[in-house]
Each structure stands twice: as structure tokens, then as C-alpha cells.
Protein backbone atom coordinates (compact mmCIF):
# COMPACT_ATOMS: atom_id res chain seq x y z
CA MET A 1 50.31 -137.51 -92.08
CA ARG A 2 53.07 -139.99 -92.93
CA ALA A 3 54.71 -141.55 -89.89
CA ASP A 4 58.26 -140.90 -91.10
CA LEU A 5 57.52 -137.16 -91.42
CA VAL A 6 55.94 -136.78 -87.98
CA ILE A 7 58.87 -137.64 -85.68
CA LEU A 8 61.82 -135.30 -86.23
CA GLY A 9 64.03 -136.41 -83.34
CA SER A 10 64.34 -136.86 -79.63
CA ILE A 11 64.93 -134.23 -76.98
CA LEU A 12 67.52 -135.12 -74.35
CA SER A 13 67.32 -132.38 -71.75
CA GLU A 14 67.51 -132.75 -67.99
CA LYS A 15 63.72 -132.67 -67.76
CA ALA A 16 63.34 -135.27 -70.52
CA VAL A 17 65.74 -137.68 -68.81
CA THR A 18 63.90 -137.24 -65.50
CA LEU A 19 60.55 -137.92 -67.19
CA SER A 20 61.91 -141.03 -68.90
CA THR A 21 62.12 -142.71 -65.48
CA GLN A 22 58.32 -142.21 -65.28
CA ASN A 23 57.84 -143.79 -68.76
CA VAL A 24 57.28 -140.42 -70.47
CA PHE A 25 59.50 -139.70 -73.47
CA THR A 26 60.03 -136.35 -75.19
CA LEU A 27 60.14 -136.11 -78.99
CA LYS A 28 60.51 -133.27 -81.45
CA VAL A 29 57.61 -133.54 -83.92
CA ALA A 30 56.31 -131.71 -86.99
CA LYS A 31 54.39 -128.51 -86.23
CA LYS A 32 51.30 -129.67 -88.14
CA ALA A 33 51.18 -133.10 -86.44
CA THR A 34 48.23 -133.78 -84.17
CA LYS A 35 48.25 -135.92 -81.04
CA ALA A 36 46.65 -138.76 -83.01
CA ASP A 37 49.36 -138.47 -85.69
CA VAL A 38 52.11 -138.63 -83.05
CA SER A 39 50.52 -141.66 -81.39
CA LYS A 40 50.21 -143.56 -84.69
CA ALA A 41 53.75 -142.64 -85.73
CA VAL A 42 55.33 -143.80 -82.45
CA LYS A 43 53.37 -147.05 -82.59
CA SER A 44 54.35 -147.77 -86.21
CA VAL A 45 58.01 -146.69 -86.01
CA PHE A 46 58.97 -148.06 -82.58
CA GLY A 47 56.33 -150.77 -82.10
CA VAL A 48 55.26 -149.68 -78.60
CA ASP A 49 51.85 -148.99 -77.04
CA VAL A 50 51.11 -145.31 -76.43
CA LEU A 51 48.86 -144.40 -73.49
CA ASP A 52 48.88 -140.61 -73.69
CA VAL A 53 50.32 -137.76 -75.76
CA ASN A 54 50.73 -134.14 -74.66
CA THR A 55 52.08 -131.52 -77.06
CA SER A 56 53.45 -128.01 -76.72
CA ILE A 57 54.86 -125.45 -79.11
CA VAL A 58 58.21 -124.06 -78.00
CA ARG A 59 58.82 -120.52 -79.14
CA GLY A 60 62.24 -119.83 -80.60
CA ARG A 61 64.35 -117.59 -78.46
CA VAL A 62 65.47 -114.18 -79.63
CA ALA A 63 69.16 -113.40 -79.38
CA ARG A 64 71.19 -110.32 -80.17
CA LYS A 65 74.29 -111.04 -82.20
CA ALA A 66 77.12 -108.56 -82.22
CA ARG A 67 78.34 -107.21 -85.55
CA SER A 68 80.80 -104.40 -86.13
CA LYS A 69 80.63 -101.03 -84.40
CA LYS A 70 79.28 -99.40 -87.55
CA ALA A 71 76.56 -101.96 -88.29
CA GLY A 72 75.42 -102.48 -84.69
CA PRO A 73 73.84 -105.57 -83.17
CA VAL A 74 71.49 -107.80 -85.15
CA THR A 75 68.47 -109.57 -83.65
CA VAL A 76 68.19 -113.23 -84.64
CA LYS A 77 65.23 -115.50 -83.83
CA ALA A 78 65.44 -119.29 -83.67
CA PRO A 79 62.55 -121.15 -85.32
CA ASN A 80 59.58 -122.41 -83.32
CA TYR A 81 59.17 -126.17 -82.90
CA LYS A 82 56.65 -128.60 -81.45
CA LYS A 83 57.49 -131.21 -78.85
CA ALA A 84 55.43 -134.15 -77.68
CA TYR A 85 55.46 -135.89 -74.33
CA VAL A 86 54.58 -139.54 -75.03
CA ARG A 87 53.55 -141.84 -72.16
CA LEU A 88 54.12 -145.54 -72.84
CA LYS A 89 52.83 -148.69 -71.19
CA ASP A 90 54.83 -149.97 -68.22
CA GLY A 91 57.90 -151.95 -69.21
CA GLN A 92 58.23 -150.39 -72.67
CA THR A 93 60.90 -147.87 -73.67
CA LEU A 94 62.06 -146.03 -76.74
CA PRO A 95 65.53 -146.89 -78.07
CA VAL A 96 66.56 -143.22 -78.10
CA ALA A 97 66.11 -142.79 -74.39
CA SER A 98 67.75 -146.08 -73.45
CA SER A 99 71.09 -144.79 -74.77
CA VAL A 100 71.35 -142.26 -71.92
CA PRO A 101 73.62 -143.68 -69.22
CA GLU A 102 72.44 -143.80 -65.63
CA THR A 103 74.30 -141.31 -63.45
CA THR A 104 75.40 -141.93 -59.90
CA GLU A 105 76.33 -139.40 -57.29
CA GLN A 106 80.04 -139.01 -56.72
CA GLY A 107 82.06 -137.23 -54.12
CA LYS A 108 81.34 -136.39 -50.48
């Protein structure tokens, strides 16, 4: 699989930011991409050494959208997607994750 078609974007959730401190970065990848494809794509696009790749398919959530009283509610499903947890060598980072600012506790 072509490297530019494998990586679809980065995921910046609370869990992903927490894992980035442990050198694990979360990426949204193509559903047909294998772990080997993800590893090769990250190495060729970002130029970093990949130690480990874990993947999971996230099921799209089902939501009920309100319409009019006559038509009733409509059920809408978001599409499924695949995400990859990529562990890098110590001292290496991805440029996507480095843009997240460090937070400090305030108050008290």
C-alpha cells in the first residue's frame, strides 16, 4: 500500500496526549492497512524508527437525529475507522503531537 494513502491523520484525544508522553502516538489509518504498512508509512513520511504498532477498529457510533413530528427521529451511523498506536524509539517524536502545548495545573 502506498505510504501517502495509509496515514489519514492524527488523533488528539486526552488518551492520545497522555500516551504521547510514553512515546506512543495515535494515528488514523486506512482500514485496509496492515501493521507492516503503517510501520513503513510512518518511517518513510516522518523519518522515525518504529518499535511497535498496535491497531484497532473503532466502530462508528449510532445517533438519533430529530426530524419533524410527522417524520419522527432518524437513526444515523458514523463510519467505522481504524486507528494505530505507534511506539517510537526514545527521543523521537512526530511533528503532529509536538504541536500540543503542555498544560500546567492552575488554581488552588
